């Protein structure tokens, strides 16, 4: 799991989170990271060749152009990743 700033620099040390089997949202709580963001930021994940086919929901209707694949190639659909932040 990564959280990147607008310059694509990690804001927290990347860590491993293993989702359970099955469909549905997988919540990753970052509250213990004492993370503060200002401006644009990105939330995402990288996967190993060993797990080269992760399942990730994709919204194909009216993409907003904010989904990327590293090395920061903009994708044509929206990945179903959301960040819930507290003010």
C-alpha atoms as a PDB file:
ATOM      1  CA  UNK A   1       0.000   0.000   0.000  1.00  0.00           C
ATOM      2  CA  UNK A   2       1.317   3.407  -0.951  1.00  0.00           C
ATOM      3  CA  UNK A   3       0.270   6.993  -0.321  1.00  0.00           C
ATOM      4  CA  UNK A   4       2.042   9.374  -2.684  1.00  0.00           C
ATOM      5  CA  UNK A   5       2.122  13.165  -2.784  1.00  0.00           C
ATOM      6  CA  UNK A   6       1.517  15.142  -5.985  1.00  0.00           C
ATOM      7  CA  UNK A   7       5.179  14.599  -6.966  1.00  0.00           C
ATOM      8  CA  UNK A   8       4.791  10.805  -6.564  1.00  0.00           C
ATOM      9  CA  UNK A   9       6.904  10.652  -3.404  1.00  0.00           C
ATOM     10  CA  UNK A  10       5.783   8.206  -0.686  1.00  0.00           C
ATOM     11  CA  UNK A  11       4.206  10.000   2.286  1.00  0.00           C
ATOM     12  CA  UNK A  12       4.364   6.873   4.475  1.00  0.00           C
ATOM     13  CA  UNK A  13       6.609   3.839   4.358  1.00  0.00           C
ATOM     14  CA  UNK A  14       4.907   1.409   1.971  1.00  0.00           C
ATOM     15  CA  UNK A  15       3.513  -1.648   3.713  1.00  0.00           C
ATOM     16  CA  UNK A  16       1.858  -4.957   2.893  1.00  0.00           C
ATOM     17  CA  UNK A  17      -1.877  -5.475   3.344  1.00  0.00           C
ATOM     18  CA  UNK A  18      -3.488  -8.738   2.299  1.00  0.00           C
ATOM     19  CA  UNK A  19      -7.172  -8.560   1.369  1.00  0.00           C
ATOM     20  CA  UNK A  20      -9.482 -11.394   2.281  1.00  0.00           C
ATOM     21  CA  UNK A  21     -10.838 -13.649  -0.440  1.00  0.00           C
ATOM     22  CA  UNK A  22     -14.110 -12.575  -2.010  1.00  0.00           C
ATOM     23  CA  UNK A  23     -15.640  -9.448  -3.447  1.00  0.00           C
ATOM     24  CA  UNK A  24     -16.270  -6.114  -1.765  1.00  0.00           C
ATOM     25  CA  UNK A  25     -14.394  -3.132  -0.405  1.00  0.00           C
ATOM     26  CA  UNK A  26     -11.143  -3.805   1.442  1.00  0.00           C
ATOM     27  CA  UNK A  27     -10.488  -1.125   4.066  1.00  0.00           C
ATOM     28  CA  UNK A  28      -6.951  -0.203   5.050  1.00  0.00           C
ATOM     29  CA  UNK A  29      -6.812   2.018   8.140  1.00  0.00           C
ATOM     30  CA  UNK A  30      -3.969   4.521   7.992  1.00  0.00           C
ATOM     31  CA  UNK A  31      -4.853   6.404  11.190  1.00  0.00           C
ATOM     32  CA  UNK A  32      -1.813   4.981  13.023  1.00  0.00           C
ATOM     33  CA  UNK A  33       0.470   6.522  10.357  1.00  0.00           C
ATOM     34  CA  UNK A  34      -0.185  10.098  11.608  1.00  0.00           C
ATOM     35  CA  UNK A  35      -0.493  11.128   7.986  1.00  0.00           C
ATOM     36  CA  UNK A  36      -1.245  14.712   7.001  1.00  0.00           C
ATOM     37  CA  UNK A  37      -1.897  15.607   3.375  1.00  0.00           C
ATOM     38  CA  UNK A  38      -2.297  18.947   1.655  1.00  0.00           C
ATOM     39  CA  UNK A  39      -3.230  19.329  -1.967  1.00  0.00           C
ATOM     40  CA  UNK A  40      -3.346  16.374  -4.329  1.00  0.00           C
ATOM     41  CA  UNK A  41      -2.288  12.921  -3.210  1.00  0.00           C
ATOM     42  CA  UNK A  42      -2.586   9.399  -4.565  1.00  0.00           C
ATOM     43  CA  UNK A  43      -3.509   6.140  -2.870  1.00  0.00           C
ATOM     44  CA  UNK A  44      -2.628   2.865  -4.493  1.00  0.00           C
ATOM     45  CA  UNK A  45      -0.785  -0.384  -4.425  1.00  0.00           C
ATOM     46  CA  UNK A  46       1.959  -2.243  -6.177  1.00  0.00           C
ATOM     47  CA  UNK A  47       1.954  -5.984  -6.585  1.00  0.00           C
ATOM     48  CA  UNK A  48       4.658  -8.542  -7.127  1.00  0.00           C
ATOM     49  CA  UNK A  49       5.069 -10.788 -10.146  1.00  0.00           C
ATOM     50  CA  UNK A  50       4.012 -13.613  -7.831  1.00  0.00           C
ATOM     51  CA  UNK A  51       0.587 -11.940  -7.550  1.00  0.00           C
ATOM     52  CA  UNK A  52       0.421 -10.487 -11.040  1.00  0.00           C
ATOM     53  CA  UNK A  53      -3.345 -10.590 -11.494  1.00  0.00           C
ATOM     54  CA  UNK A  54      -4.988  -8.690  -8.637  1.00  0.00           C
ATOM     55  CA  UNK A  55      -8.714  -8.085  -8.765  1.00  0.00           C
ATOM     56  CA  UNK A  56      -9.634  -4.427  -8.641  1.00  0.00           C
ATOM     57  CA  UNK A  57     -12.992  -2.874  -9.444  1.00  0.00           C
ATOM     58  CA  UNK A  58     -13.097  -0.485 -12.394  1.00  0.00           C
ATOM     59  CA  UNK A  59     -15.694   2.181 -13.173  1.00  0.00           C
ATOM     60  CA  UNK A  60     -16.006   2.560 -16.941  1.00  0.00           C
ATOM     61  CA  UNK A  61     -18.539   5.415 -16.920  1.00  0.00           C
ATOM     62  CA  UNK A  62     -17.294   8.985 -17.359  1.00  0.00           C
ATOM     63  CA  UNK A  63     -13.730   8.596 -16.074  1.00  0.00           C
ATOM     64  CA  UNK A  64     -12.246  11.663 -14.393  1.00  0.00           C
ATOM     65  CA  UNK A  65      -8.655  11.029 -15.450  1.00  0.00           C
ATOM     66  CA  UNK A  66      -7.227  10.399 -11.988  1.00  0.00           C
ATOM     67  CA  UNK A  67      -6.384   6.700 -12.224  1.00  0.00           C
ATOM     68  CA  UNK A  68      -2.822   5.726 -13.036  1.00  0.00           C
ATOM     69  CA  UNK A  69      -0.581   2.734 -13.335  1.00  0.00           C
ATOM     70  CA  UNK A  70       3.021   3.066 -12.261  1.00  0.00           C
ATOM     71  CA  UNK A  71       5.146   4.419 -13.894  1.00  0.00           C
ATOM     72  CA  UNK A  72       2.388   7.034 -13.819  1.00  0.00           C
ATOM     73  CA  UNK A  73       0.559   6.227 -17.011  1.00  0.00           C
ATOM     74  CA  UNK A  74      -2.972   7.652 -16.988  1.00  0.00           C
ATOM     75  CA  UNK A  75      -5.653   5.006 -17.461  1.00  0.00           C
ATOM     76  CA  UNK A  76      -8.891   5.292 -19.442  1.00  0.00           C
ATOM     77  CA  UNK A  77     -11.161   4.113 -16.601  1.00  0.00           C
ATOM     78  CA  UNK A  78     -11.437   4.864 -12.885  1.00  0.00           C
ATOM     79  CA  UNK A  79     -10.040   2.330 -10.452  1.00  0.00           C
ATOM     80  CA  UNK A  80     -12.301   1.710  -7.482  1.00  0.00           C
ATOM     81  CA  UNK A  81      -9.987   3.003  -4.762  1.00  0.00           C
ATOM     82  CA  UNK A  82     -11.262   5.641  -2.375  1.00  0.00           C
ATOM     83  CA  UNK A  83      -9.671   7.663   0.376  1.00  0.00           C
ATOM     84  CA  UNK A  84     -11.769   8.635   3.374  1.00  0.00           C
ATOM     85  CA  UNK A  85     -10.174  11.534   5.218  1.00  0.00           C
ATOM     86  CA  UNK A  86     -10.907  13.359   8.439  1.00  0.00           C
ATOM     87  CA  UNK A  87     -10.591  17.144   8.594  1.00  0.00           C
END
